[in-house]
Amino acid sequence: MMNVMRSGLLAAILCLLGVFASFSVAAREAETLTIGMFADRPAAILEPVHQAMVSARVAPVDEPLVVSWSEFIRTHAVASTLWGLLALSVLIAGLWIALGHRRLRDAHARLALKNEELALLRKGFEHSWSSIVITDANPETGYLVETANPAFCAMTGYSLDELRGHSLKRLQGPDTDPEVIERLRQCLREGRYFDGTTVNYRKDGKPYTVRWNISPVRDEQGRITHFVSMQQDLSARIEAERMRDLLASAFNATSDSVIITDTRQRILFANQALAELTGYPLEEVLGKTPALFSSGKHDAGFYARLRDLLGSGKDFQATFVNRRADGSLYYSAQSISPILNDKGGVTHYVSVGKDVTKQVESEQKWRQEAVEDKLTGLHTRRHGEELAKKSALRAHALATPLAVIVCDIDHFKRVNDSFGHAAGDRVLAAVAHSLRQAVRSADVVIRWGGEEFVILLDNCPQAAAVDLAERIRRQVEAQPDAEVGTVTLSLGLAMLRLDETIEQSIARADAALYQSKHGGRNRVSLA
């Protein structure tokens, strides 16, 4: 713009200079004509002129012709004006040409920018991962395809040449939703935006689920000239969602609890079986860690092994003692496995647990019954025999004394016959309680069978063993049963020899017991 202004100013200056130059020339000519016009001519020459003027009744010219300055100016004003107008025209033409040149240059710049934008749009159109197709706006021909990008061709299986000039009705098939198509047609007829999902068919006949939107394209007068559609193949996503829902249904159908966590052990998925097992609603479980179910029954080493195995990409299997929402304990046989990606990195963990509470409790009960007498709470004979062997091995290895006491309730058959088995059971439990109270915590008390008991006193000399046996005898005698009355014991005691087994030592103690029986009962006999 500054160049245009400079050009106009230069033209204006030139115009003014031309006007002043015209006035200067006119002034000089007027001066010359006034002073010297016909002044140097002789009268003879002027005479014919005089006569002609007389004949024409013009005043004679006796003196040189003098033209005034104002007359001359008026005579030459037209010429000066014409020069000014010519200069002004040149100025206007210069300005017009300059402005036209600027407009032409701006137009070229806008055209270049528009071409760049069009090239960018073309590249975006061709390289977009979204499928794009453009049709005409003629409903009578079925909205024929004018162009489509490579993504649309790849999605449908048709080349651009096969699509151009044809209606997209060829993509419809048996599973195409007619209601969606009718809504599409209505939107096209009314020139409205459309968005929908249905099943279309590729060139090879394979169905695919597509979501697409269509927008009308209008010219400057607002008339619809084309429709542009952006489409997305949802088949893979829908299949993934279907598989996810299928897996979720399968997980919820199983009676085993299933948990999926991320690498930070936050629970991302839990099935209904877990909610039923733990008593926690699923919405309270999601986002938490499995520590929610911790019972505190496992030590640090247990969890260290778990982390080490999972960290090395291996499975971890164990029976967990967990705690329900109500505080009760349950047993879960769990298998925890890392989920790896294509590069071998851990992305998630999945835990499948089976409620084995009943089995564990039954096993514990069986095991308890196998090692502990139900009535008396003492060791059973089977478990006692194992403990006796271990005690004998330790005594032989360490050369420490091991005392064996065998005791029997006197006249126990008479108690059962006279007072019933309930009274007999009560007497057995009372005697067992007295035995446990009398011995040390490390000593072993066994219900050997019926009303007979065996006591193992580890690292106990004979004198101390005799004193303990006497104390037991007196304590039992001092606690009569309310119904049966006084209850007494007969005891036999033997010290384990270096050259005998524990079974032989028990046999000798049993023989000493019978000596007490034959000696009048309620006494201690040594083997």
Protein backbone atom coordinates (compact mmCIF):
# COMPACT_ATOMS: atom_id res chain seq x y z
CA MET A 1 0.00 0.00 0.00
CA MET A 2 2.89 2.35 0.77
CA ASN A 3 4.22 1.80 -2.78
CA VAL A 4 0.82 2.77 -4.20
CA MET A 5 0.72 5.96 -2.12
CA ARG A 6 4.26 6.90 -3.20
CA SER A 7 3.35 6.37 -6.87
CA GLY A 8 0.20 8.56 -6.52
CA LEU A 9 2.11 11.34 -4.77
CA LEU A 10 4.76 11.35 -7.52
CA ALA A 11 2.08 11.61 -10.19
CA ALA A 12 0.38 14.51 -8.37
CA ILE A 13 3.68 16.40 -8.14
CA LEU A 14 4.27 15.88 -11.86
CA CYS A 15 0.77 17.18 -12.59
CA LEU A 16 1.32 20.41 -10.60
CA LEU A 17 4.67 21.00 -12.26
CA GLY A 18 2.97 20.69 -15.65
CA VAL A 19 0.33 23.28 -14.75
CA PHE A 20 2.93 25.81 -13.52
CA ALA A 21 5.00 25.25 -16.63
CA SER A 22 1.99 26.00 -18.83
CA PHE A 23 1.28 29.25 -17.01
CA SER A 24 4.94 30.34 -17.33
CA VAL A 25 5.03 29.76 -21.07
CA ALA A 26 1.74 31.62 -21.53
CA ALA A 27 3.03 34.59 -19.56
CA ARG A 28 6.18 34.90 -21.63
CA GLU A 29 4.27 34.72 -24.90
CA ALA A 30 1.78 37.37 -23.73
CA GLU A 31 4.60 39.74 -22.80
CA THR A 32 6.30 39.37 -26.18
CA LEU A 33 3.06 39.88 -28.08
CA THR A 34 2.06 42.99 -26.10
CA ILE A 35 5.36 44.83 -26.47
CA GLY A 36 6.48 43.95 -29.90
CA MET A 37 3.53 42.84 -32.02
CA PHE A 38 3.83 44.69 -35.33
CA ALA A 39 6.10 47.28 -33.64
CA ASP A 40 8.88 46.72 -36.10
CA ARG A 41 6.60 46.92 -39.19
CA PRO A 42 6.61 50.06 -41.52
CA ALA A 43 3.40 52.04 -42.03
CA ALA A 44 3.21 50.98 -45.68
CA ILE A 45 2.82 47.50 -44.68
CA LEU A 46 0.13 48.39 -42.16
CA GLU A 47 -1.90 50.41 -44.63
CA PRO A 48 -3.61 47.52 -46.36
CA VAL A 49 -4.55 46.24 -43.03
CA HIS A 50 -5.96 49.61 -42.06
CA GLN A 51 -8.02 49.74 -45.20
CA ALA A 52 -9.39 46.34 -44.64
CA MET A 53 -10.38 47.22 -41.18
CA VAL A 54 -12.11 50.37 -42.39
CA SER A 55 -13.98 48.37 -45.00
CA ALA A 56 -14.95 45.98 -42.29
CA ARG A 57 -15.89 48.91 -40.11
CA VAL A 58 -13.27 47.97 -37.66
CA ALA A 59 -11.47 50.64 -35.74
CA PRO A 60 -8.25 51.43 -37.42
CA VAL A 61 -5.05 50.24 -35.95
CA ASP A 62 -2.86 53.21 -35.55
CA GLU A 63 -0.85 51.61 -32.75
CA PRO A 64 0.62 48.19 -32.17
CA LEU A 65 -1.97 45.54 -31.01
CA VAL A 66 -1.84 45.06 -27.29
CA VAL A 67 -3.43 41.99 -25.59
CA SER A 68 -4.08 42.28 -21.84
CA TRP A 69 -2.74 39.75 -19.30
CA SER A 70 -6.20 38.69 -18.15
CA GLU A 71 -7.31 38.05 -21.72
CA PHE A 72 -4.26 35.96 -22.35
CA ILE A 73 -4.83 34.02 -19.20
CA ARG A 74 -8.40 33.29 -20.17
CA THR A 75 -7.20 32.27 -23.64
CA HIS A 76 -4.64 29.83 -22.22
CA ALA A 77 -6.70 28.61 -19.21
CA VAL A 78 -8.33 25.91 -21.29
CA ALA A 79 -4.96 24.56 -22.32
CA SER A 80 -3.75 24.56 -18.74
CA THR A 81 -6.91 22.83 -17.56
CA LEU A 82 -6.49 20.21 -20.21
CA TRP A 83 -2.94 19.63 -19.09
CA GLY A 84 -4.14 19.32 -15.48
CA LEU A 85 -6.89 16.93 -16.40
CA LEU A 86 -4.40 14.91 -18.40
CA ALA A 87 -2.05 14.76 -15.41
CA LEU A 88 -4.94 13.89 -13.11
CA SER A 89 -5.99 11.13 -15.49
CA VAL A 90 -2.46 9.83 -15.48
CA LEU A 91 -2.50 9.95 -11.66
CA ILE A 92 -5.82 8.11 -11.46
CA ALA A 93 -4.64 5.56 -14.01
CA GLY A 94 -1.44 5.07 -12.02
CA LEU A 95 -3.38 4.60 -8.83
CA TRP A 96 -5.80 2.19 -10.51
CA ILE A 97 -2.96 0.19 -12.03
CA ALA A 98 -1.15 0.09 -8.70
CA LEU A 99 -4.30 -0.98 -6.85
CA GLY A 100 -5.07 -3.54 -9.52
CA HIS A 101 -1.55 -4.90 -9.29
CA ARG A 102 -1.93 -5.19 -5.51
CA ARG A 103 -5.30 -6.90 -5.84
CA LEU A 104 -3.87 -9.26 -8.42
CA ARG A 105 -0.93 -10.05 -6.20
CA ASP A 106 -3.25 -10.64 -3.20
CA ALA A 107 -5.46 -12.83 -5.35
CA HIS A 108 -2.46 -14.89 -6.40
CA ALA A 109 -1.43 -15.23 -2.73
CA ARG A 110 -4.95 -16.29 -1.72
CA LEU A 111 -5.06 -18.74 -4.59
CA ALA A 112 -1.70 -20.21 -3.59
CA LEU A 113 -2.88 -20.53 0.03
CA LYS A 114 -6.11 -22.10 -1.12
CA ASN A 115 -4.19 -24.55 -3.26
CA GLU A 116 -2.02 -25.44 -0.25
CA GLU A 117 -5.14 -25.95 1.88
CA LEU A 118 -6.71 -28.08 -0.82
CA ALA A 119 -3.53 -30.15 -1.10
CA LEU A 120 -3.49 -30.60 2.69
CA LEU A 121 -7.15 -31.57 2.69
CA ARG A 122 -6.48 -34.05 -0.10
CA LYS A 123 -3.64 -35.60 1.86
CA GLY A 124 -5.79 -35.78 4.98
CA PHE A 125 -8.62 -37.31 2.96
CA GLU A 126 -6.34 -39.96 1.48
CA HIS A 127 -4.42 -40.79 4.65
CA SER A 128 -7.28 -40.68 7.16
CA TRP A 129 -7.85 -43.97 9.00
CA SER A 130 -11.54 -43.10 9.02
CA SER A 131 -13.40 -44.24 5.93
CA ILE A 132 -14.71 -41.26 3.96
CA VAL A 133 -17.00 -41.31 0.93
CA ILE A 134 -18.60 -38.40 -0.95
CA THR A 135 -21.77 -38.78 -3.02
CA ASP A 136 -23.88 -36.46 -5.11
CA ALA A 137 -27.19 -35.16 -3.78
CA ASN A 138 -29.49 -36.71 -6.37
CA PRO A 139 -32.06 -38.95 -4.68
CA GLU A 140 -33.41 -40.18 -8.00
CA THR A 141 -30.16 -41.93 -8.87
CA GLY A 142 -29.59 -43.17 -5.33
CA TYR A 143 -26.83 -40.71 -4.31
CA LEU A 144 -24.03 -41.93 -6.53
CA VAL A 145 -20.44 -42.09 -5.27
CA GLU A 146 -18.14 -39.39 -6.61
CA THR A 147 -15.05 -40.22 -4.60
CA ALA A 148 -13.86 -42.25 -1.61
CA ASN A 149 -10.60 -42.50 0.29
CA PRO A 150 -8.40 -45.62 0.45
CA ALA A 151 -9.67 -46.47 3.96
CA PHE A 152 -13.23 -46.73 2.65
CA CYS A 153 -12.09 -48.91 -0.25
CA ALA A 154 -10.20 -51.19 2.13
CA MET A 155 -13.19 -51.46 4.46
CA THR A 156 -15.65 -52.35 1.69
CA GLY A 157 -13.33 -54.35 -0.56
CA TYR A 158 -14.31 -52.24 -3.61
CA SER A 159 -11.84 -50.17 -5.62
CA LEU A 160 -12.57 -46.50 -6.28
CA ASP A 161 -13.36 -47.26 -9.91
CA GLU A 162 -15.87 -49.88 -8.78
CA LEU A 163 -17.50 -47.42 -6.38
CA ARG A 164 -17.55 -44.25 -8.47
CA GLY A 165 -20.87 -43.71 -10.18
CA HIS A 166 -22.67 -46.37 -8.13
CA SER A 167 -25.04 -46.20 -5.19
CA LEU A 168 -23.94 -47.43 -1.78
CA LYS A 169 -27.05 -49.61 -1.65
CA ARG A 170 -24.78 -52.36 -2.93
CA LEU A 171 -23.30 -52.57 0.60
CA GLN A 172 -26.63 -53.56 2.16
CA GLY A 173 -27.65 -57.15 2.83
CA PRO A 174 -29.89 -59.49 4.83
CA ASP A 175 -28.79 -58.25 8.26
CA THR A 176 -28.88 -54.56 7.38
CA ASP A 177 -31.34 -52.87 9.70
CA PRO A 178 -34.26 -51.54 7.58
CA GLU A 179 -35.27 -49.05 10.26
CA VAL A 180 -31.81 -47.49 10.22
CA ILE A 181 -31.86 -47.28 6.41
CA GLU A 182 -35.31 -45.63 6.45
CA ARG A 183 -34.08 -43.09 8.99
CA LEU A 184 -31.05 -42.49 6.76
CA ARG A 185 -33.24 -41.79 3.73
CA GLN A 186 -35.40 -39.41 5.73
CA CYS A 187 -32.35 -37.45 6.86
CA LEU A 188 -31.03 -37.26 3.30
CA ARG A 189 -34.36 -36.05 1.95
CA GLU A 190 -34.56 -33.36 4.62
CA GLY A 191 -30.88 -32.44 4.40
CA ARG A 192 -30.28 -33.28 8.05
CA TYR A 193 -27.25 -34.76 9.79
CA PHE A 194 -27.38 -38.56 10.17
CA ASP A 195 -25.66 -40.92 12.58
CA GLY A 196 -26.32 -44.65 12.79
CA THR A 197 -25.01 -48.20 13.10
CA THR A 198 -25.94 -51.29 11.11
CA VAL A 199 -24.51 -54.31 9.31
CA ASN A 200 -23.09 -53.86 5.83
CA TYR A 201 -21.44 -56.35 3.49
CA ARG A 202 -18.07 -56.28 1.81
CA LYS A 203 -17.45 -57.15 -1.78
CA ASP A 204 -16.60 -60.74 -0.78
CA GLY A 205 -19.94 -61.01 1.03
CA LYS A 206 -18.57 -60.90 4.57
CA PRO A 207 -20.66 -58.82 6.97
CA TYR A 208 -19.20 -56.05 9.07
CA THR A 209 -20.70 -53.66 11.59
CA VAL A 210 -20.36 -50.03 10.59
CA ARG A 211 -21.09 -46.79 12.34
CA TRP A 212 -21.35 -43.82 10.04
CA ASN A 213 -22.45 -40.21 9.95
CA ILE A 214 -23.52 -38.16 6.92
CA SER A 215 -23.42 -34.39 6.58
CA PRO A 216 -24.88 -32.33 3.71
CA VAL A 217 -22.58 -30.05 1.69
CA ARG A 218 -24.16 -26.77 0.54
CA ASP A 219 -23.13 -24.19 -2.07
CA GLU A 220 -23.13 -20.43 -1.60
CA GLN A 221 -26.86 -20.30 -2.27
CA GLY A 222 -27.51 -22.93 0.44
CA ARG A 223 -28.40 -25.68 -1.99
CA ILE A 224 -27.22 -29.21 -1.15
CA THR A 225 -24.73 -30.36 -3.76
CA HIS A 226 -23.15 -33.37 -2.08
CA PHE A 227 -23.18 -35.59 0.99
CA VAL A 228 -19.99 -36.52 2.84
CA SER A 229 -19.96 -39.62 5.03
CA MET A 230 -17.38 -40.74 7.60
CA GLN A 231 -17.57 -44.41 8.51
CA GLN A 232 -15.89 -46.71 11.02
CA ASP A 233 -15.75 -50.49 11.03
CA LEU A 234 -16.79 -51.60 14.52
CA SER A 235 -16.54 -55.33 13.86
CA ALA A 236 -13.32 -55.90 15.79
CA ARG A 237 -14.49 -53.82 18.73
CA ILE A 238 -17.90 -55.47 18.83
CA GLU A 239 -16.28 -58.90 18.62
CA ALA A 240 -13.94 -57.96 21.48
CA GLU A 241 -16.89 -56.69 23.51
CA ARG A 242 -18.83 -59.85 22.72
CA MET A 243 -15.89 -61.99 23.82
CA ARG A 244 -15.47 -59.88 26.94
CA ASP A 245 -19.14 -60.29 27.79
CA LEU A 246 -18.88 -64.00 27.07
CA LEU A 247 -15.89 -64.35 29.40
CA ALA A 248 -17.61 -62.28 32.06
CA SER A 249 -20.70 -64.50 31.76
CA ALA A 250 -18.51 -67.60 31.95
CA PHE A 251 -16.66 -66.24 34.99
CA ASN A 252 -19.94 -65.39 36.68
CA ALA A 253 -21.36 -68.82 35.87
CA THR A 254 -18.51 -70.66 37.56
CA SER A 255 -18.67 -71.42 41.27
CA ASP A 256 -14.96 -70.60 41.63
CA SER A 257 -14.04 -67.06 42.60
CA VAL A 258 -12.15 -65.11 39.92
CA ILE A 259 -10.15 -61.93 40.41
CA ILE A 260 -8.19 -59.96 37.79
CA THR A 261 -5.82 -57.25 38.99
CA ASP A 262 -3.37 -54.85 37.38
CA THR A 263 0.33 -54.91 38.16
CA ARG A 264 -0.33 -52.80 41.26
CA GLN A 265 -2.72 -55.49 42.55
CA ARG A 266 -5.78 -53.26 42.15
CA ILE A 267 -8.83 -55.39 41.40
CA LEU A 268 -10.21 -54.68 37.92
CA PHE A 269 -12.66 -57.57 37.73
CA ALA A 270 -14.29 -59.90 40.22
CA ASN A 271 -17.05 -62.39 39.55
CA GLN A 272 -20.26 -63.02 41.41
CA ALA A 273 -18.86 -66.11 43.11
CA LEU A 274 -16.31 -63.95 44.93
CA ALA A 275 -19.05 -61.62 46.15
CA GLU A 276 -21.05 -64.57 47.45
CA LEU A 277 -18.00 -66.15 49.08
CA THR A 278 -16.67 -63.03 50.80
CA GLY A 279 -19.89 -61.16 51.49
CA TYR A 280 -18.49 -58.02 49.87
CA PRO A 281 -20.57 -56.35 47.10
CA LEU A 282 -18.63 -56.16 43.84
CA GLU A 283 -18.70 -52.36 43.83
CA GLU A 284 -16.81 -52.40 47.14
CA VAL A 285 -14.22 -54.82 45.79
CA LEU A 286 -13.33 -53.10 42.51
CA GLY A 287 -10.35 -50.78 42.86
CA LYS A 288 -9.23 -52.40 46.10
CA THR A 289 -6.41 -54.93 46.52
CA PRO A 290 -6.75 -58.55 47.69
CA ALA A 291 -5.43 -57.38 51.05
CA LEU A 292 -9.10 -56.61 51.69
CA PHE A 293 -9.54 -60.32 52.44
CA SER A 294 -6.41 -60.76 54.55
CA SER A 295 -6.89 -62.68 57.79
CA GLY A 296 -3.41 -62.17 59.22
CA LYS A 297 -2.91 -65.95 59.35
CA HIS A 298 -0.01 -65.95 56.85
CA ASP A 299 3.46 -64.77 57.74
CA ALA A 300 5.77 -62.49 55.74
CA GLY A 301 7.58 -65.48 54.23
CA PHE A 302 4.34 -66.70 52.67
CA TYR A 303 3.83 -63.42 50.80
CA ALA A 304 7.53 -63.20 49.91
CA ARG A 305 7.29 -66.56 48.11
CA LEU A 306 4.15 -65.33 46.35
CA ARG A 307 5.90 -62.17 45.08
CA ASP A 308 9.04 -64.06 44.04
CA LEU A 309 7.15 -66.62 41.97
CA LEU A 310 4.85 -64.12 40.30
CA GLY A 311 7.76 -61.76 39.67
CA SER A 312 9.58 -64.52 37.79
CA GLY A 313 6.50 -65.18 35.65
CA LYS A 314 5.52 -68.39 37.43
CA ASP A 315 2.24 -69.47 38.99
CA PHE A 316 1.66 -69.46 42.73
CA GLN A 317 -0.64 -72.03 44.31
CA ALA A 318 -1.62 -72.24 47.95
CA THR A 319 -4.56 -72.50 50.30
CA PHE A 320 -5.31 -69.05 51.65
CA VAL A 321 -6.98 -68.40 54.97
CA ASN A 322 -9.08 -65.32 54.19
CA ARG A 323 -11.58 -63.26 56.10
CA ARG A 324 -15.14 -62.51 55.02
CA ALA A 325 -16.90 -59.18 55.39
CA ASP A 326 -18.55 -60.46 58.60
CA GLY A 327 -15.16 -61.37 60.07
CA SER A 328 -15.48 -65.16 59.70
CA LEU A 329 -12.65 -67.14 58.13
CA TYR A 330 -12.78 -69.24 55.00
CA TYR A 331 -10.27 -71.35 53.11
CA SER A 332 -9.61 -70.76 49.42
CA ALA A 333 -7.39 -72.99 47.29
CA GLN A 334 -6.06 -70.34 44.91
CA SER A 335 -3.97 -70.39 41.78
CA ILE A 336 -2.49 -66.99 40.83
CA SER A 337 -0.97 -66.53 37.38
CA PRO A 338 0.67 -63.55 35.66
CA ILE A 339 -0.76 -62.44 32.31
CA LEU A 340 2.00 -61.57 29.85
CA ASN A 341 1.96 -59.39 26.74
CA ASP A 342 3.65 -60.18 23.42
CA LYS A 343 6.99 -58.96 24.76
CA GLY A 344 6.81 -61.13 27.88
CA GLY A 345 5.98 -58.29 30.23
CA VAL A 346 3.44 -58.74 33.00
CA THR A 347 0.28 -56.70 32.43
CA HIS A 348 -2.21 -58.30 34.83
CA TYR A 349 -2.68 -61.09 37.34
CA VAL A 350 -5.56 -63.55 37.44
CA SER A 351 -6.51 -65.51 40.53
CA VAL A 352 -8.90 -68.44 40.52
CA GLY A 353 -9.95 -69.67 43.94
CA LYS A 354 -12.03 -72.61 45.07
CA ASP A 355 -13.82 -72.52 48.40
CA VAL A 356 -12.44 -75.49 50.32
CA THR A 357 -13.65 -74.44 53.73
CA LYS A 358 -15.73 -77.56 54.28
CA GLN A 359 -12.96 -79.86 53.09
CA VAL A 360 -10.35 -78.15 55.25
CA GLU A 361 -12.59 -78.19 58.30
CA SER A 362 -13.44 -81.85 57.71
CA GLU A 363 -9.77 -82.67 57.30
CA GLN A 364 -8.90 -80.72 60.38
CA LYS A 365 -11.61 -82.54 62.28
CA TRP A 366 -10.37 -85.89 61.04
CA ARG A 367 -6.82 -84.93 61.82
CA GLN A 368 -7.85 -83.70 65.22
CA GLU A 369 -9.65 -86.91 65.90
CA ALA A 370 -6.62 -88.82 64.71
CA VAL A 371 -4.32 -87.06 67.16
CA GLU A 372 -6.71 -85.98 69.89
CA ASP A 373 -9.23 -88.05 71.80
CA LYS A 374 -12.64 -86.47 71.44
CA LEU A 375 -13.78 -87.21 74.97
CA THR A 376 -10.70 -86.40 76.98
CA GLY A 377 -8.75 -84.05 74.71
CA LEU A 378 -5.63 -86.23 75.20
CA HIS A 379 -3.51 -87.70 72.43
CA THR A 380 -4.98 -90.76 70.75
CA ARG A 381 -3.11 -94.04 70.97
CA ARG A 382 -2.11 -93.89 67.28
CA HIS A 383 -0.68 -90.41 67.60
CA GLY A 384 0.71 -91.25 71.04
CA GLU A 385 2.70 -94.17 69.65
CA GLU A 386 4.37 -91.80 67.15
CA LEU A 387 5.18 -89.34 69.91
CA ALA A 388 6.53 -92.15 72.08
CA LYS A 389 8.90 -93.31 69.35
CA LYS A 390 10.21 -89.78 68.89
CA SER A 391 10.72 -89.41 72.61
CA ALA A 392 12.65 -92.69 72.75
CA LEU A 393 14.87 -91.69 69.84
CA ARG A 394 15.63 -88.37 71.51
CA ALA A 395 16.36 -89.99 74.85
CA HIS A 396 18.73 -92.53 73.27
CA ALA A 397 20.45 -89.84 71.21
CA LEU A 398 20.91 -87.46 74.12
CA ALA A 399 21.33 -90.14 76.80
CA THR A 400 18.62 -88.51 78.89
CA PRO A 401 16.21 -90.40 81.15
CA LEU A 402 12.68 -91.15 79.87
CA ALA A 403 10.05 -92.29 82.36
CA VAL A 404 6.95 -94.19 81.23
CA ILE A 405 3.84 -94.33 83.45
CA VAL A 406 0.87 -96.55 82.67
CA CYS A 407 -2.21 -95.93 84.82
CA ASP A 408 -5.73 -97.35 84.96
CA ILE A 409 -8.97 -96.27 86.71
CA ASP A 410 -9.85 -98.76 89.40
CA HIS A 411 -13.18 -100.58 89.11
CA PHE A 412 -14.15 -98.57 86.05
CA LYS A 413 -16.39 -101.34 84.69
CA ARG A 414 -18.38 -101.16 87.91
CA VAL A 415 -18.83 -97.38 87.37
CA ASN A 416 -20.28 -97.96 83.89
CA ASP A 417 -22.47 -100.82 85.05
CA SER A 418 -23.76 -99.05 88.15
CA PHE A 419 -24.04 -95.45 87.00
CA GLY A 420 -24.15 -95.67 83.21
CA HIS A 421 -21.83 -94.64 80.42
CA ALA A 422 -22.53 -90.96 80.92
CA ALA A 423 -21.10 -91.17 84.41
CA GLY A 424 -18.19 -93.23 83.07
CA ASP A 425 -17.44 -90.60 80.45
CA ARG A 426 -17.57 -87.92 83.12
CA VAL A 427 -15.09 -89.81 85.25
CA LEU A 428 -12.75 -90.33 82.27
CA ALA A 429 -12.79 -86.61 81.41
CA ALA A 430 -12.14 -85.66 85.05
CA VAL A 431 -9.17 -88.02 85.35
CA ALA A 432 -7.72 -86.77 82.03
CA HIS A 433 -8.00 -83.20 83.28
CA SER A 434 -6.14 -84.14 86.48
CA LEU A 435 -3.37 -85.80 84.47
CA ARG A 436 -2.87 -82.72 82.26
CA GLN A 437 -2.81 -80.46 85.27
CA ALA A 438 -0.19 -82.58 87.04
CA VAL A 439 2.42 -82.97 84.27
CA ARG A 440 4.69 -80.44 82.63
CA SER A 441 3.72 -78.80 79.32
CA ALA A 442 6.39 -80.77 77.45
CA ASP A 443 5.21 -84.12 78.82
CA VAL A 444 2.93 -86.37 76.79
CA VAL A 445 -0.38 -87.76 78.11
CA ILE A 446 -2.07 -90.43 75.98
CA ARG A 447 -5.45 -92.14 76.29
CA TRP A 448 -4.13 -95.58 75.58
CA GLY A 449 -7.50 -97.27 75.45
CA GLY A 450 -10.72 -97.44 77.51
CA GLU A 451 -9.86 -96.31 81.04
CA GLU A 452 -6.06 -96.77 80.57
CA PHE A 453 -3.58 -93.88 80.14
CA VAL A 454 0.14 -93.58 79.29
CA ILE A 455 2.34 -90.71 80.44
CA LEU A 456 5.80 -89.98 78.92
CA LEU A 457 8.09 -87.85 81.10
CA ASP A 458 11.01 -86.68 78.98
CA ASN A 459 14.34 -85.98 80.71
CA CYS A 460 12.87 -87.05 84.07
CA PRO A 461 14.88 -89.14 86.58
CA GLN A 462 13.18 -92.07 88.30
CA ALA A 463 12.82 -90.35 91.68
CA ALA A 464 11.06 -87.35 90.14
CA ALA A 465 8.88 -89.69 88.11
CA VAL A 466 7.84 -91.60 91.24
CA ASP A 467 6.99 -88.36 93.03
CA LEU A 468 4.88 -87.21 90.07
CA ALA A 469 3.07 -90.56 89.90
CA GLU A 470 2.25 -90.36 93.61
CA ARG A 471 1.03 -86.75 93.19
CA ILE A 472 -1.25 -87.81 90.35
CA ARG A 473 -2.65 -90.68 92.40
CA ARG A 474 -3.42 -88.46 95.38
CA GLN A 475 -4.92 -85.69 93.20
CA VAL A 476 -7.36 -88.07 91.49
CA GLU A 477 -8.36 -89.60 94.80
CA ALA A 478 -8.93 -86.13 96.28
CA GLN A 479 -11.50 -85.18 93.58
CA PRO A 480 -14.49 -87.50 93.96
CA ASP A 481 -17.32 -87.53 91.45
CA ALA A 482 -20.61 -86.15 92.78
CA GLU A 483 -22.48 -89.29 91.70
CA VAL A 484 -19.89 -92.02 91.66
CA GLY A 485 -17.92 -90.94 94.68
CA THR A 486 -14.20 -91.55 95.16
CA VAL A 487 -12.21 -92.48 92.06
CA THR A 488 -8.74 -94.08 92.36
CA LEU A 489 -5.88 -94.95 90.01
CA SER A 490 -3.39 -97.82 89.86
CA LEU A 491 -0.06 -96.86 88.25
CA GLY A 492 2.98 -98.71 86.90
CA LEU A 493 6.29 -96.94 86.18
CA ALA A 494 9.28 -97.98 84.05
CA MET A 495 12.46 -96.15 82.98
CA LEU A 496 13.53 -96.55 79.34
CA ARG A 497 16.66 -98.69 79.09
CA LEU A 498 19.36 -98.07 76.50
CA ASP A 499 18.97 -101.53 75.02
CA GLU A 500 15.19 -101.55 74.65
CA THR A 501 12.52 -100.02 72.46
CA ILE A 502 9.74 -97.78 73.70
CA GLU A 503 7.25 -100.59 73.15
CA GLN A 504 9.28 -102.80 75.53
CA SER A 505 9.43 -100.07 78.12
CA ILE A 506 5.63 -99.55 77.95
CA ALA A 507 5.12 -103.30 78.32
CA ARG A 508 7.23 -103.32 81.50
CA ALA A 509 5.26 -100.34 82.87
CA ASP A 510 2.01 -102.14 82.08
CA ALA A 511 3.25 -105.18 83.98
CA ALA A 512 4.02 -102.94 86.96
CA LEU A 513 0.47 -101.60 86.70
CA TYR A 514 -0.95 -105.07 87.16
CA GLN A 515 1.26 -105.48 90.19
CA SER A 516 -0.54 -102.42 91.65
CA LYS A 517 -3.88 -103.95 90.74
CA HIS A 518 -3.02 -107.21 92.42
CA GLY A 519 -1.51 -105.37 95.37
CA GLY A 520 -4.80 -103.72 96.30
CA ARG A 521 -5.10 -100.90 93.72
CA ASN A 522 -4.69 -97.15 94.29
CA ARG A 523 -0.91 -97.45 94.41
CA VAL A 524 2.26 -96.97 92.25
CA SER A 525 4.50 -99.94 91.34
CA LEU A 526 7.96 -99.81 89.74
CA ALA A 527 9.02 -102.14 86.96
